[in-house]
Each structure stands twice: as structure tokens, then as C-alpha cells.
Amino acid sequence: MGVTNRPVAAIVLAGGSGRRLGGVDKPSLRIGDRTLLDVALGVVAGVPTVLVGPAREVPAGVVVVREDPPGGGPAAAVAAGVAGLPDDLPPDAPVAVLAADLPALDVAAIRRLCVALSGRSTDHDGAVLVDRQGRRQWLIGVWRHGPLAAAVRRRTDWHGESLRELLGPLHPTEVRGHEAAADDVDTPDDLRRLGEVDGDRL
């Protein structure tokens, strides 16, 4: 696959309990006139998308699945998302893996991840965004389908396991320059601070 600026498919994790926000459903929180889920789905609009979380009204082309049992954590959710992807994806197909609590996430960040991955040799399994502290953000990434699926197959059950355990053995390239897109909503102060964010679509 040559250089591409968009994913072929996407997994969006939308099952967090929002404990530090009083147990609210984080993806349904509004930033301006959009929910956090709207933001995540908007940046991958137009590609087959697997939403992992409770049943919701979603746009056409989005399939909703749930990890079994529910509440198994992000690694289990990613595994459920991978299982829900189209069966005919080639091994090098770029698959976006995103959280649904990122109000500043935009199409430009996703494009940069895709370009960074497609411009690399196959010894790179993915591309992940780096946050303001220089840390890899595992839930803002684009991964080659083959290595991602192989990582999931390392265990039969990812319930309670960390994303680092699942994705850490893979070899992503780090993408800088969009650190604001890694700002997530964990507390009421985060929600107030981040305010309204404009976005566009792929």
C-alpha cells in the first residue's frame, strides 16, 4: 500500500465509566455543539468503523460491539474492536484506534498518523501520537491490521489487561506536532478548560 492520508477502517473506544467525572458517560459529554463521540466518529467518517461500548445511535457504517464481559478495560475493548473489523482487510491496511474522550482530535492529526505510517517500511507496525509530556498515546494511533490482529491473538482473554501489554510489543513510529489532540477529558476542570473545539471530516 502506498502513501495514504486516511485509514481504511477504525476502532473507537466509547465504554469508559468516567469515574472522575462522577460516573457520567464521557462520550456523551458535549463540547460546544458536539458530543465527544461525535468528535471521534467525525475524524474517521466515511470508513468502516467499529464502536466498542454500550448500544448507541450511530451513523450508517458504524458497527457497535461490546467486550465480553463488559467493563474489561481498554485492551479488551481493542480486542473486541479488532474482532469486529471487516474480514477482508489486507495485513497492511491502516486501522485507526481512538478513544472517544478527545475534544481536540481532528482530521489533520489522523492524516499525519496515516502518512507517517505509510511512509515507513513494514518494520513499523503503527504510528502513535505523542502528548505534551512526550508519552506515547496508545489510543490515538493508526496500526497496520496484520500486526494489530497478531497482537490481539497473543491472548485468548484481554479482560483487565493494560493497553501497554497489548500494544507495547508492537513497533510504532512516534508522531509529534499535534500534542493538543492528546488532551483528554478526565475531570470537570478538563471539560471547562478544553471548551469548544472546531473540527472537520475526512
N, C-alpha and C. Protein backbone atom coordinates (compact mmCIF):
# COMPACT_ATOMS: atom_id res chain seq x y z
N MET A 1 0.85 -1.19 0.00
CA MET A 1 0.00 0.00 0.00
C MET A 1 0.88 1.24 0.00
N GLY A 2 0.62 2.20 -0.91
CA GLY A 2 1.43 3.41 -1.00
C GLY A 2 1.08 4.40 0.10
N VAL A 3 1.62 5.60 -0.05
CA VAL A 3 1.36 6.64 0.94
C VAL A 3 -0.12 6.99 0.94
N THR A 4 -0.72 7.01 2.10
CA THR A 4 -2.13 7.32 2.23
C THR A 4 -2.33 8.28 3.38
N ASN A 5 -3.35 9.13 3.29
CA ASN A 5 -3.60 10.09 4.36
C ASN A 5 -4.91 9.80 5.10
N ARG A 6 -5.42 8.59 4.94
CA ARG A 6 -6.64 8.23 5.66
C ARG A 6 -6.62 6.75 6.01
N PRO A 7 -7.25 6.38 7.11
CA PRO A 7 -7.33 4.96 7.46
C PRO A 7 -8.30 4.22 6.55
N VAL A 8 -8.16 2.92 6.52
CA VAL A 8 -9.08 2.07 5.78
C VAL A 8 -10.27 1.67 6.66
N ALA A 9 -10.03 1.62 7.97
CA ALA A 9 -11.07 1.27 8.94
C ALA A 9 -10.68 1.90 10.27
N ALA A 10 -11.61 1.83 11.23
CA ALA A 10 -11.34 2.47 12.52
C ALA A 10 -12.02 1.71 13.65
N ILE A 11 -11.40 1.80 14.83
CA ILE A 11 -11.97 1.30 16.08
C ILE A 11 -12.05 2.49 17.03
N VAL A 12 -13.22 2.74 17.58
CA VAL A 12 -13.41 3.85 18.53
C VAL A 12 -13.87 3.26 19.86
N LEU A 13 -13.13 3.54 20.92
CA LEU A 13 -13.47 3.03 22.24
C LEU A 13 -14.35 4.04 22.97
N ALA A 14 -15.54 3.62 23.34
CA ALA A 14 -16.52 4.53 23.94
C ALA A 14 -17.23 3.87 25.11
N GLY A 15 -16.47 3.15 25.93
CA GLY A 15 -17.10 2.44 27.04
C GLY A 15 -16.62 2.86 28.40
N GLY A 16 -15.82 3.96 28.50
CA GLY A 16 -15.30 4.38 29.79
C GLY A 16 -16.40 4.82 30.74
N SER A 17 -16.18 4.54 32.03
CA SER A 17 -17.22 4.84 33.02
C SER A 17 -17.15 6.27 33.54
N GLY A 18 -16.06 7.00 33.28
CA GLY A 18 -15.97 8.38 33.73
C GLY A 18 -16.04 8.53 35.23
N ARG A 19 -15.31 7.68 35.98
CA ARG A 19 -15.39 7.71 37.45
C ARG A 19 -15.00 9.07 38.01
N ARG A 20 -13.96 9.71 37.43
CA ARG A 20 -13.52 11.01 37.96
C ARG A 20 -14.47 12.14 37.55
N LEU A 21 -15.43 11.82 36.71
CA LEU A 21 -16.46 12.79 36.34
C LEU A 21 -17.80 12.45 37.00
N GLY A 22 -17.73 11.65 38.05
CA GLY A 22 -18.95 11.30 38.77
C GLY A 22 -19.72 10.16 38.15
N GLY A 23 -19.05 9.37 37.31
CA GLY A 23 -19.70 8.22 36.70
C GLY A 23 -20.52 8.54 35.47
N VAL A 24 -20.35 9.74 34.89
CA VAL A 24 -21.11 10.08 33.69
C VAL A 24 -20.56 9.34 32.48
N ASP A 25 -21.35 9.27 31.45
CA ASP A 25 -20.95 8.65 30.19
C ASP A 25 -20.11 9.67 29.41
N LYS A 26 -18.78 9.51 29.44
CA LYS A 26 -17.91 10.53 28.85
C LYS A 26 -18.19 10.78 27.36
N PRO A 27 -18.38 9.74 26.54
CA PRO A 27 -18.59 10.02 25.12
C PRO A 27 -19.80 10.90 24.83
N SER A 28 -20.76 10.95 25.76
CA SER A 28 -21.96 11.76 25.51
C SER A 28 -21.80 13.21 25.99
N LEU A 29 -20.69 13.53 26.66
CA LEU A 29 -20.46 14.91 27.09
C LEU A 29 -20.33 15.82 25.88
N ARG A 30 -20.81 17.04 26.01
CA ARG A 30 -20.81 17.99 24.90
C ARG A 30 -19.69 19.01 25.04
N ILE A 31 -19.02 19.24 23.95
CA ILE A 31 -18.05 20.33 23.82
C ILE A 31 -18.59 21.21 22.71
N GLY A 32 -19.10 22.38 23.07
CA GLY A 32 -19.78 23.18 22.06
C GLY A 32 -21.06 22.48 21.64
N ASP A 33 -21.24 22.32 20.34
CA ASP A 33 -22.48 21.72 19.84
C ASP A 33 -22.31 20.25 19.47
N ARG A 34 -21.20 19.64 19.88
CA ARG A 34 -20.96 18.24 19.55
C ARG A 34 -20.63 17.45 20.80
N THR A 35 -20.94 16.16 20.78
CA THR A 35 -20.50 15.28 21.85
C THR A 35 -19.06 14.83 21.57
N LEU A 36 -18.42 14.32 22.60
CA LEU A 36 -17.08 13.77 22.41
C LEU A 36 -17.11 12.60 21.43
N LEU A 37 -18.20 11.83 21.46
CA LEU A 37 -18.32 10.74 20.49
C LEU A 37 -18.44 11.28 19.07
N ASP A 38 -19.18 12.37 18.89
CA ASP A 38 -19.27 13.00 17.57
C ASP A 38 -17.89 13.35 17.03
N VAL A 39 -17.03 13.87 17.92
CA VAL A 39 -15.68 14.26 17.51
C VAL A 39 -14.92 13.05 16.99
N ALA A 40 -14.92 11.97 17.78
CA ALA A 40 -14.17 10.78 17.39
C ALA A 40 -14.68 10.17 16.10
N LEU A 41 -16.01 10.04 15.98
CA LEU A 41 -16.56 9.46 14.76
C LEU A 41 -16.38 10.39 13.57
N GLY A 42 -16.38 11.68 13.81
CA GLY A 42 -16.23 12.64 12.72
C GLY A 42 -14.89 12.56 12.03
N VAL A 43 -13.82 12.31 12.79
CA VAL A 43 -12.50 12.30 12.18
C VAL A 43 -12.24 11.05 11.36
N VAL A 44 -13.08 10.02 11.52
CA VAL A 44 -12.94 8.82 10.70
C VAL A 44 -14.19 8.57 9.87
N ALA A 45 -15.00 9.61 9.67
CA ALA A 45 -16.22 9.47 8.88
C ALA A 45 -15.90 8.96 7.49
N GLY A 46 -16.73 8.04 7.01
CA GLY A 46 -16.56 7.54 5.64
C GLY A 46 -15.81 6.24 5.53
N VAL A 47 -15.26 5.72 6.66
CA VAL A 47 -14.61 4.42 6.62
C VAL A 47 -15.34 3.48 7.56
N PRO A 48 -15.30 2.15 7.32
CA PRO A 48 -15.96 1.21 8.24
C PRO A 48 -15.40 1.39 9.65
N THR A 49 -16.29 1.57 10.61
CA THR A 49 -15.88 1.87 11.98
C THR A 49 -16.57 0.94 12.96
N VAL A 50 -15.79 0.42 13.90
CA VAL A 50 -16.31 -0.41 14.98
C VAL A 50 -16.28 0.43 16.25
N LEU A 51 -17.44 0.65 16.82
CA LEU A 51 -17.56 1.38 18.08
C LEU A 51 -17.70 0.36 19.20
N VAL A 52 -16.79 0.42 20.18
CA VAL A 52 -16.81 -0.53 21.28
C VAL A 52 -17.39 0.17 22.51
N GLY A 53 -18.53 -0.32 22.97
CA GLY A 53 -19.19 0.29 24.11
C GLY A 53 -20.66 -0.09 24.14
N PRO A 54 -21.43 0.56 25.01
CA PRO A 54 -22.86 0.25 25.10
C PRO A 54 -23.60 0.66 23.84
N ALA A 55 -24.78 0.11 23.64
CA ALA A 55 -25.58 0.41 22.45
C ALA A 55 -25.88 1.91 22.39
N ARG A 56 -25.72 2.49 21.21
CA ARG A 56 -25.96 3.91 20.98
C ARG A 56 -26.52 4.10 19.58
N GLU A 57 -27.12 5.26 19.36
CA GLU A 57 -27.47 5.64 18.00
C GLU A 57 -26.19 6.10 17.31
N VAL A 58 -25.90 5.50 16.17
CA VAL A 58 -24.66 5.79 15.46
C VAL A 58 -24.95 6.01 13.99
N PRO A 59 -24.05 6.70 13.29
CA PRO A 59 -24.24 6.90 11.85
C PRO A 59 -24.15 5.59 11.08
N ALA A 60 -24.66 5.61 9.87
CA ALA A 60 -24.54 4.46 8.97
C ALA A 60 -23.06 4.13 8.78
N GLY A 61 -22.76 2.84 8.72
CA GLY A 61 -21.38 2.41 8.54
C GLY A 61 -20.64 2.17 9.83
N VAL A 62 -21.27 2.45 10.97
CA VAL A 62 -20.66 2.21 12.27
C VAL A 62 -21.32 0.98 12.90
N VAL A 63 -20.52 0.02 13.30
CA VAL A 63 -20.98 -1.19 13.96
C VAL A 63 -20.65 -1.08 15.45
N VAL A 64 -21.62 -1.37 16.30
CA VAL A 64 -21.42 -1.30 17.75
C VAL A 64 -21.21 -2.71 18.30
N VAL A 65 -20.11 -2.91 19.03
CA VAL A 65 -19.82 -4.19 19.67
C VAL A 65 -19.49 -3.92 21.14
N ARG A 66 -19.38 -4.97 21.92
CA ARG A 66 -19.05 -4.83 23.33
C ARG A 66 -18.09 -5.93 23.72
N GLU A 67 -17.10 -5.59 24.53
CA GLU A 67 -16.22 -6.63 25.05
C GLU A 67 -17.02 -7.54 25.98
N ASP A 68 -16.60 -8.79 26.10
CA ASP A 68 -17.34 -9.78 26.89
C ASP A 68 -16.41 -10.39 27.94
N PRO A 69 -16.68 -10.12 29.25
CA PRO A 69 -17.80 -9.33 29.79
C PRO A 69 -17.52 -7.84 29.65
N PRO A 70 -18.59 -7.02 29.70
CA PRO A 70 -18.40 -5.58 29.63
C PRO A 70 -17.55 -5.07 30.78
N GLY A 71 -16.89 -3.94 30.55
CA GLY A 71 -16.07 -3.35 31.60
C GLY A 71 -14.71 -3.99 31.74
N GLY A 72 -14.23 -4.63 30.68
CA GLY A 72 -12.96 -5.34 30.75
C GLY A 72 -11.74 -4.47 30.56
N GLY A 73 -11.95 -3.17 30.32
CA GLY A 73 -10.81 -2.28 30.15
C GLY A 73 -10.46 -2.06 28.69
N PRO A 74 -9.53 -1.13 28.43
CA PRO A 74 -9.24 -0.75 27.04
C PRO A 74 -8.60 -1.84 26.20
N ALA A 75 -7.78 -2.69 26.79
CA ALA A 75 -7.17 -3.77 25.99
C ALA A 75 -8.24 -4.74 25.50
N ALA A 76 -9.16 -5.10 26.39
CA ALA A 76 -10.26 -5.99 25.99
C ALA A 76 -11.14 -5.30 24.96
N ALA A 77 -11.31 -3.99 25.09
CA ALA A 77 -12.12 -3.26 24.12
C ALA A 77 -11.46 -3.23 22.75
N VAL A 78 -10.15 -3.01 22.71
CA VAL A 78 -9.44 -3.05 21.42
C VAL A 78 -9.57 -4.43 20.79
N ALA A 79 -9.42 -5.48 21.59
CA ALA A 79 -9.56 -6.84 21.06
C ALA A 79 -10.95 -7.05 20.46
N ALA A 80 -11.99 -6.56 21.15
CA ALA A 80 -13.34 -6.68 20.62
C ALA A 80 -13.49 -5.87 19.33
N GLY A 81 -12.86 -4.71 19.29
CA GLY A 81 -12.91 -3.89 18.08
C GLY A 81 -12.25 -4.57 16.89
N VAL A 82 -11.09 -5.19 17.13
CA VAL A 82 -10.40 -5.90 16.05
C VAL A 82 -11.27 -7.03 15.53
N ALA A 83 -11.93 -7.75 16.43
CA ALA A 83 -12.79 -8.86 16.01
C ALA A 83 -13.96 -8.37 15.17
N GLY A 84 -14.36 -7.10 15.34
CA GLY A 84 -15.49 -6.57 14.60
C GLY A 84 -15.14 -5.92 13.28
N LEU A 85 -13.85 -5.85 12.94
CA LEU A 85 -13.43 -5.23 11.68
C LEU A 85 -13.84 -6.09 10.48
N PRO A 86 -13.94 -5.50 9.30
CA PRO A 86 -14.25 -6.29 8.10
C PRO A 86 -13.25 -7.42 7.90
N ASP A 87 -13.74 -8.55 7.43
CA ASP A 87 -12.91 -9.74 7.28
C ASP A 87 -11.88 -9.62 6.17
N ASP A 88 -12.12 -8.72 5.21
CA ASP A 88 -11.27 -8.69 4.02
C ASP A 88 -10.17 -7.64 4.08
N LEU A 89 -9.86 -7.12 5.26
CA LEU A 89 -8.80 -6.12 5.33
C LEU A 89 -7.45 -6.77 5.06
N PRO A 90 -6.63 -6.19 4.19
CA PRO A 90 -5.29 -6.73 3.98
C PRO A 90 -4.40 -6.45 5.19
N PRO A 91 -3.29 -7.20 5.34
CA PRO A 91 -2.44 -7.04 6.52
C PRO A 91 -1.87 -5.63 6.68
N ASP A 92 -1.63 -4.93 5.57
CA ASP A 92 -1.03 -3.60 5.70
C ASP A 92 -2.05 -2.47 5.74
N ALA A 93 -3.34 -2.81 5.82
CA ALA A 93 -4.38 -1.78 5.87
C ALA A 93 -4.24 -0.95 7.14
N PRO A 94 -4.23 0.39 7.04
CA PRO A 94 -4.13 1.23 8.23
C PRO A 94 -5.46 1.32 8.97
N VAL A 95 -5.44 0.96 10.25
CA VAL A 95 -6.63 0.96 11.08
C VAL A 95 -6.43 1.98 12.21
N ALA A 96 -7.29 2.98 12.29
CA ALA A 96 -7.22 3.95 13.38
C ALA A 96 -7.80 3.34 14.64
N VAL A 97 -7.14 3.56 15.78
CA VAL A 97 -7.63 3.14 17.08
C VAL A 97 -7.68 4.37 17.96
N LEU A 98 -8.89 4.77 18.36
CA LEU A 98 -9.09 6.07 19.01
C LEU A 98 -9.97 5.95 20.24
N ALA A 99 -9.70 6.80 21.23
CA ALA A 99 -10.60 6.96 22.36
C ALA A 99 -11.68 7.98 22.00
N ALA A 100 -12.79 7.92 22.72
CA ALA A 100 -13.90 8.85 22.47
C ALA A 100 -13.98 9.91 23.56
N ASP A 101 -12.81 10.40 24.01
CA ASP A 101 -12.81 11.48 25.01
C ASP A 101 -11.76 12.53 24.68
N LEU A 102 -11.62 12.82 23.38
CA LEU A 102 -10.55 13.70 22.89
C LEU A 102 -11.16 14.88 22.13
N PRO A 103 -11.52 15.95 22.83
CA PRO A 103 -12.25 17.04 22.18
C PRO A 103 -11.45 17.78 21.11
N ALA A 104 -10.12 17.76 21.18
CA ALA A 104 -9.31 18.49 20.20
C ALA A 104 -8.80 17.61 19.07
N LEU A 105 -9.20 16.34 19.07
CA LEU A 105 -8.79 15.46 17.98
C LEU A 105 -9.37 15.97 16.67
N ASP A 106 -8.56 15.98 15.63
CA ASP A 106 -9.03 16.49 14.35
C ASP A 106 -8.50 15.64 13.20
N VAL A 107 -9.02 15.93 12.03
CA VAL A 107 -8.65 15.18 10.84
C VAL A 107 -7.16 15.32 10.53
N ALA A 108 -6.62 16.50 10.79
CA ALA A 108 -5.20 16.72 10.50
C ALA A 108 -4.31 15.75 11.27
N ALA A 109 -4.64 15.49 12.53
CA ALA A 109 -3.85 14.55 13.32
C ALA A 109 -3.94 13.14 12.75
N ILE A 110 -5.14 12.72 12.34
CA ILE A 110 -5.31 11.38 11.76
C ILE A 110 -4.55 11.28 10.44
N ARG A 111 -4.63 12.32 9.63
CA ARG A 111 -3.89 12.30 8.37
C ARG A 111 -2.39 12.17 8.61
N ARG A 112 -1.88 12.90 9.59
CA ARG A 112 -0.45 12.87 9.85
C ARG A 112 -0.01 11.49 10.32
N LEU A 113 -0.84 10.85 11.15
CA LEU A 113 -0.54 9.49 11.57
C LEU A 113 -0.50 8.53 10.38
N CYS A 114 -1.49 8.64 9.51
CA CYS A 114 -1.55 7.75 8.34
C CYS A 114 -0.35 7.96 7.42
N VAL A 115 -0.01 9.21 7.17
CA VAL A 115 1.13 9.50 6.29
C VAL A 115 2.43 8.99 6.93
N ALA A 116 2.58 9.19 8.24
CA ALA A 116 3.78 8.73 8.92
C ALA A 116 3.93 7.22 8.83
N LEU A 117 2.81 6.51 8.96
CA LEU A 117 2.87 5.05 8.88
C LEU A 117 3.13 4.59 7.46
N SER A 118 2.41 5.14 6.51
CA SER A 118 2.54 4.66 5.13
C SER A 118 3.89 5.03 4.53
N GLY A 119 4.55 6.03 5.10
CA GLY A 119 5.87 6.41 4.61
C GLY A 119 7.00 5.61 5.20
N ARG A 120 6.68 4.69 6.09
CA ARG A 120 7.68 3.87 6.76
C ARG A 120 7.71 2.47 6.16
N SER A 121 8.84 1.78 6.39
CA SER A 121 8.94 0.40 5.94
C SER A 121 8.07 -0.47 6.83
N THR A 122 7.90 -1.71 6.42
CA THR A 122 6.99 -2.59 7.14
C THR A 122 7.52 -3.02 8.50
N ASP A 123 8.73 -2.59 8.89
CA ASP A 123 9.18 -2.90 10.24
C ASP A 123 8.53 -1.99 11.28
N HIS A 124 7.76 -1.00 10.83
CA HIS A 124 6.94 -0.19 11.73
C HIS A 124 5.51 -0.70 11.66
N ASP A 125 4.97 -1.02 12.83
CA ASP A 125 3.64 -1.61 12.90
C ASP A 125 2.53 -0.58 12.98
N GLY A 126 2.87 0.65 13.34
CA GLY A 126 1.85 1.67 13.51
C GLY A 126 2.47 3.04 13.69
N ALA A 127 1.62 4.01 13.95
CA ALA A 127 2.04 5.38 14.25
C ALA A 127 1.17 5.87 15.39
N VAL A 128 1.78 6.43 16.44
CA VAL A 128 1.03 6.91 17.59
C VAL A 128 1.38 8.37 17.86
N LEU A 129 0.39 9.09 18.36
CA LEU A 129 0.60 10.48 18.71
C LEU A 129 1.35 10.56 20.04
N VAL A 130 2.21 11.56 20.14
CA VAL A 130 2.94 11.83 21.38
C VAL A 130 2.30 13.04 22.06
N ASP A 131 2.09 12.95 23.38
CA ASP A 131 1.42 14.04 24.09
C ASP A 131 2.41 15.12 24.52
N ARG A 132 1.93 16.09 25.27
CA ARG A 132 2.76 17.23 25.68
C ARG A 132 3.92 16.80 26.58
N GLN A 133 3.77 15.68 27.26
CA GLN A 133 4.83 15.17 28.13
C GLN A 133 5.77 14.20 27.41
N GLY A 134 5.58 14.03 26.11
CA GLY A 134 6.44 13.15 25.34
C GLY A 134 6.10 11.68 25.45
N ARG A 135 4.89 11.37 25.93
CA ARG A 135 4.47 9.98 26.10
C ARG A 135 3.65 9.50 24.91
N ARG A 136 3.83 8.25 24.56
CA ARG A 136 3.01 7.65 23.51
C ARG A 136 1.57 7.53 23.98
N GLN A 137 0.65 7.95 23.13
CA GLN A 137 -0.77 7.84 23.43
C GLN A 137 -1.35 6.67 22.63
N TRP A 138 -1.50 5.53 23.30
CA TRP A 138 -1.89 4.31 22.61
C TRP A 138 -3.27 4.41 21.99
N LEU A 139 -4.13 5.29 22.50
CA LEU A 139 -5.47 5.41 21.95
C LEU A 139 -5.63 6.60 21.02
N ILE A 140 -4.52 7.01 20.43
CA ILE A 140 -4.55 7.93 19.28
C ILE A 140 -3.50 7.41 18.31
N GLY A 141 -3.85 6.36 17.61
CA GLY A 141 -2.89 5.71 16.74
C GLY A 141 -3.52 5.13 15.49
N VAL A 142 -2.66 4.82 14.54
CA VAL A 142 -3.05 4.11 13.33
C VAL A 142 -2.11 2.92 13.21
N TRP A 143 -2.67 1.73 13.04
CA TRP A 143 -1.90 0.49 13.07
C TRP A 143 -2.13 -0.33 11.81
N ARG A 144 -1.10 -1.02 11.36
CA ARG A 144 -1.31 -1.99 10.28
C ARG A 144 -2.17 -3.13 10.83
N HIS A 145 -3.14 -3.52 10.03
CA HIS A 145 -4.11 -4.51 10.51
C HIS A 145 -3.46 -5.82 10.91
N GLY A 146 -2.51 -6.31 10.12
CA GLY A 146 -1.88 -7.60 10.41
C GLY A 146 -1.20 -7.63 11.78
N PRO A 147 -0.27 -6.72 12.06
CA PRO A 147 0.38 -6.72 13.38
C PRO A 147 -0.59 -6.48 14.53
N LEU A 148 -1.60 -5.61 14.31
CA LEU A 148 -2.58 -5.35 15.37
C LEU A 148 -3.36 -6.62 15.69
N ALA A 149 -3.83 -7.31 14.66
CA ALA A 149 -4.58 -8.55 14.88
C ALA A 149 -3.69 -9.62 15.52
N ALA A 150 -2.41 -9.67 15.12
CA ALA A 150 -1.50 -10.65 15.71
C ALA A 150 -1.26 -10.35 17.19
N ALA A 151 -1.20 -9.07 17.55
CA ALA A 151 -1.03 -8.71 18.95
C ALA A 151 -2.23 -9.17 19.78
N VAL A 152 -3.42 -9.03 19.23
CA VAL A 152 -4.62 -9.48 19.94
C VAL A 152 -4.60 -11.00 20.12
N ARG A 153 -4.12 -11.73 19.13
CA ARG A 153 -4.13 -13.19 19.19
C ARG A 153 -3.14 -13.75 20.22
N ARG A 154 -2.29 -12.90 20.79
CA ARG A 154 -1.34 -13.39 21.78
C ARG A 154 -2.03 -13.90 23.04
N ARG A 155 -3.25 -13.47 23.29
CA ARG A 155 -4.02 -13.94 24.44
C ARG A 155 -5.44 -14.29 23.97
N THR A 156 -6.05 -15.22 24.67
CA THR A 156 -7.45 -15.51 24.38
C THR A 156 -8.38 -14.58 25.15
N ASP A 157 -7.87 -13.93 26.19
CA ASP A 157 -8.70 -13.06 27.03
C ASP A 157 -7.87 -11.87 27.48
N TRP A 158 -8.29 -10.66 27.10
CA TRP A 158 -7.59 -9.44 27.48
C TRP A 158 -8.29 -8.69 28.61
N HIS A 159 -9.27 -9.33 29.25
CA HIS A 159 -10.00 -8.67 30.33
C HIS A 159 -9.04 -8.25 31.45
N GLY A 160 -9.09 -6.96 31.79
CA GLY A 160 -8.28 -6.46 32.89
C GLY A 160 -6.83 -6.17 32.54
N GLU A 161 -6.41 -6.46 31.31
CA GLU A 161 -5.02 -6.21 30.92
C GLU A 161 -4.86 -4.77 30.43
N SER A 162 -3.63 -4.30 30.44
CA SER A 162 -3.36 -2.92 30.05
C SER A 162 -3.13 -2.80 28.55
N LEU A 163 -3.32 -1.59 28.05
CA LEU A 163 -3.00 -1.34 26.65
C LEU A 163 -1.52 -1.51 26.39
N ARG A 164 -0.70 -1.16 27.36
CA ARG A 164 0.74 -1.34 27.18
C ARG A 164 1.09 -2.80 26.96
N GLU A 165 0.39 -3.69 27.68
CA GLU A 165 0.63 -5.12 27.49
C GLU A 165 0.22 -5.56 26.09
N LEU A 166 -0.88 -5.01 25.59
CA LEU A 166 -1.37 -5.39 24.26
C LEU A 166 -0.53 -4.78 23.15
N LEU A 167 -0.33 -3.47 23.21
CA LEU A 167 0.30 -2.76 22.09
C LEU A 167 1.79 -2.53 22.27
N GLY A 168 2.27 -2.65 23.51
CA GLY A 168 3.68 -2.37 23.78
C GLY A 168 4.67 -3.19 22.96
N PRO A 169 4.39 -4.48 22.67
CA PRO A 169 5.34 -5.26 21.87
C PRO A 169 5.41 -4.83 20.40
N LEU A 170 4.45 -4.04 19.94
CA LEU A 170 4.48 -3.57 18.55
C LEU A 170 5.50 -2.44 18.40
N HIS A 171 5.79 -2.09 17.16
CA HIS A 171 6.84 -1.11 16.88
C HIS A 171 6.25 0.07 16.10
N PRO A 172 5.70 1.06 16.81
CA PRO A 172 5.14 2.23 16.12
C PRO A 172 6.18 3.32 15.93
N THR A 173 5.93 4.18 14.97
CA THR A 173 6.68 5.43 14.86
C THR A 173 5.92 6.50 15.64
N GLU A 174 6.65 7.40 16.27
CA GLU A 174 6.04 8.45 17.08
C GLU A 174 5.80 9.69 16.23
N VAL A 175 4.62 10.30 16.40
CA VAL A 175 4.25 11.48 15.63
C VAL A 175 4.07 12.66 16.58
N ARG A 176 4.79 13.73 16.30
CA ARG A 176 4.72 14.95 17.10
C ARG A 176 4.11 16.07 16.26
N GLY A 177 3.75 17.14 16.94
CA GLY A 177 3.21 18.29 16.24
C GLY A 177 1.72 18.47 16.39
N HIS A 178 1.06 17.49 17.02
CA HIS A 178 -0.38 17.59 17.28
C HIS A 178 -0.67 17.27 18.75
N GLU A 179 0.21 17.75 19.64
CA GLU A 179 0.10 17.37 21.05
C GLU A 179 -1.24 17.76 21.67
N ALA A 180 -1.83 18.87 21.21
CA ALA A 180 -3.11 19.30 21.78
C ALA A 180 -4.20 18.26 21.55
N ALA A 181 -4.08 17.48 20.47
CA ALA A 181 -5.10 16.47 20.17
C ALA A 181 -5.10 15.35 21.20
N ALA A 182 -4.04 15.25 22.00
CA ALA A 182 -3.96 14.21 23.02
C ALA A 182 -4.60 14.62 24.34
N ASP A 183 -5.06 15.86 24.45
CA ASP A 183 -5.71 16.31 25.69
C ASP A 183 -7.06 15.64 25.83
N ASP A 184 -7.22 14.83 26.90
CA ASP A 184 -8.48 14.12 27.08
C ASP A 184 -9.27 14.72 28.24
N VAL A 185 -10.48 14.25 28.39
CA VAL A 185 -11.39 14.76 29.42
C VAL A 185 -11.50 13.70 30.51
N ASP A 186 -10.91 13.99 31.67
CA ASP A 186 -11.00 13.09 32.80
C ASP A 186 -11.72 13.71 33.99
N THR A 187 -11.73 15.04 34.07
CA THR A 187 -12.30 15.73 35.22
C THR A 187 -13.19 16.88 34.75
N PRO A 188 -14.05 17.40 35.62
CA PRO A 188 -14.84 18.59 35.25
C PRO A 188 -13.96 19.77 34.84
N ASP A 189 -12.80 19.93 35.47
CA ASP A 189 -11.89 21.01 35.09
C ASP A 189 -11.40 20.84 33.65
N ASP A 190 -11.12 19.60 33.24
CA ASP A 190 -10.73 19.34 31.86
C ASP A 190 -11.82 19.80 30.90
N LEU A 191 -13.04 19.48 31.24
CA LEU A 191 -14.17 19.82 30.37
C LEU A 191 -14.29 21.33 30.22
N ARG A 192 -14.16 22.05 31.32
CA ARG A 192 -14.25 23.52 31.26
C ARG A 192 -13.06 24.11 30.52
N ARG A 193 -11.86 23.57 30.77
CA ARG A 193 -10.65 24.13 30.18
C ARG A 193 -10.60 23.95 28.67
N LEU A 194 -11.03 22.79 28.20
CA LEU A 194 -10.90 22.49 26.78
C LEU A 194 -11.93 23.25 25.94
N GLY A 195 -13.10 23.51 26.52
CA GLY A 195 -14.07 24.37 25.86
C GLY A 195 -14.49 23.87 24.50
N GLU A 196 -14.96 24.78 23.66
CA GLU A 196 -15.47 24.41 22.34
C GLU A 196 -14.31 24.18 21.39
N VAL A 197 -14.39 23.12 20.61
CA VAL A 197 -13.36 22.78 19.64
C VAL A 197 -14.02 22.59 18.29
N ASP A 198 -13.48 23.22 17.27
CA ASP A 198 -14.00 23.03 15.92
C ASP A 198 -13.31 21.85 15.29
N GLY A 199 -13.99 21.18 14.37
CA GLY A 199 -13.39 20.05 13.68
C GLY A 199 -13.88 19.96 12.27
N ASP A 200 -13.29 19.05 11.51
CA ASP A 200 -13.76 18.79 10.16
C ASP A 200 -13.79 17.29 9.95
N ARG A 201 -14.01 16.88 8.73
CA ARG A 201 -14.19 15.47 8.44
C ARG A 201 -13.21 15.04 7.36
N LEU A 202 -12.95 13.73 7.37
CA LEU A 202 -12.09 13.16 6.33
C LEU A 202 -12.75 13.33 4.97
